[in-house]
Amino acid sequence: MYGKIFDSMYEGTLYGHWQAIVTLQQMLVLCNRDGHVDMTPQAMSARTSIPLDILIKGIEDLSAPDPYSRTPGDDGMRIALLDPNRPWGWRIINHAKYQAIRNAEEKRKADRDRIAEKRRKDNDVVDSRGVSQPVADVAPASASASASALTSKALRSQTSATFVEFWQIYPNRRAKKDALKAWQQVNPKDIATIMQAVENHKTSDQWQRGFIPYAATWIRGKRWEDETVIGVTSVDLGQCMWNQDGARNTVQPRCERNGVEENRGLVYCEQHKHLHHEQTR
């Protein structure tokens, strides 16, 4: 099974809803010729290895009305239930539209191949009269190069779109060019897992304390496979009291970070806790 992915998927109102984009991609692969996906989310997850919670969120977004959709029918929804009496099994609403576009593209390709074959045969006839043979290979080579260029363009477009989604949610937005190079080596099957891992790592003790690696380092090290340790603050000490009256440093304002240590009635944050031996003036 396979499905054709259109660039317009990344340019419309699904932008920013990466779970919906991933889910729709899987549905295009799994659907029958009528655009029906007669499967439960659990079956889709088992078939595609996409985590169930990602698919459920994607289905929720795809089933929601969208007043700004390019196709206003069906309230702008992308999918609809096959049977309103059961909560699973969907119809891809615009499947016929995109099927027609694909068929038109396939016809154009078939026409190009037919013309290239005719030119090859014509050149074979000329060659039999003593004309140089390499001329006959020009058209097929050109057609092959064009098909390869189109495939590369589609892959670059998909990689760029998923990287934009990743870059928006990753907290350390430095060295973007190096991060993109690393992202281009990522297996597309891991993208949904990576996106979820970023959200999980945001609650980790290390990231909450500000120790967040560069994105390129995180990607190349496959850090999305790491276990995360959730950060927990047992007591709310209030705000840091360093420079509370401005007497210690008249240039810098009072520190108002969350306190992590208390000593002699004074509260200090992670950055200033080494000053706990000082007394307020």
Foldseek 3Di string as FASTA:
>chain_A
DAADDDLVLLVFPCQLVVLLVVLVRLQRGQADPQQKNQDFLVVSCVVQVQDSVSNVSNQVVQQDADCRAPDPPPNNHQWDAPDPVDDDMIGGVCSVVVVVVVVVVVVVLVVLVVVLVVLLVVVVVVVVVPDDNVVNCPSVVVSVVVVVVVVVVVLVSVLVSLLVSVCVLAPDNPPSVLLSVLSSPDDPSCSSLQSVLRVVQCQAPCVVVPNGDDNNVCSVVVVSPPDGHGDDQPDFPFFACVCVVVPVPVPDHGGGHTFRDDDPRGTHHPVCPVVNVDDDD
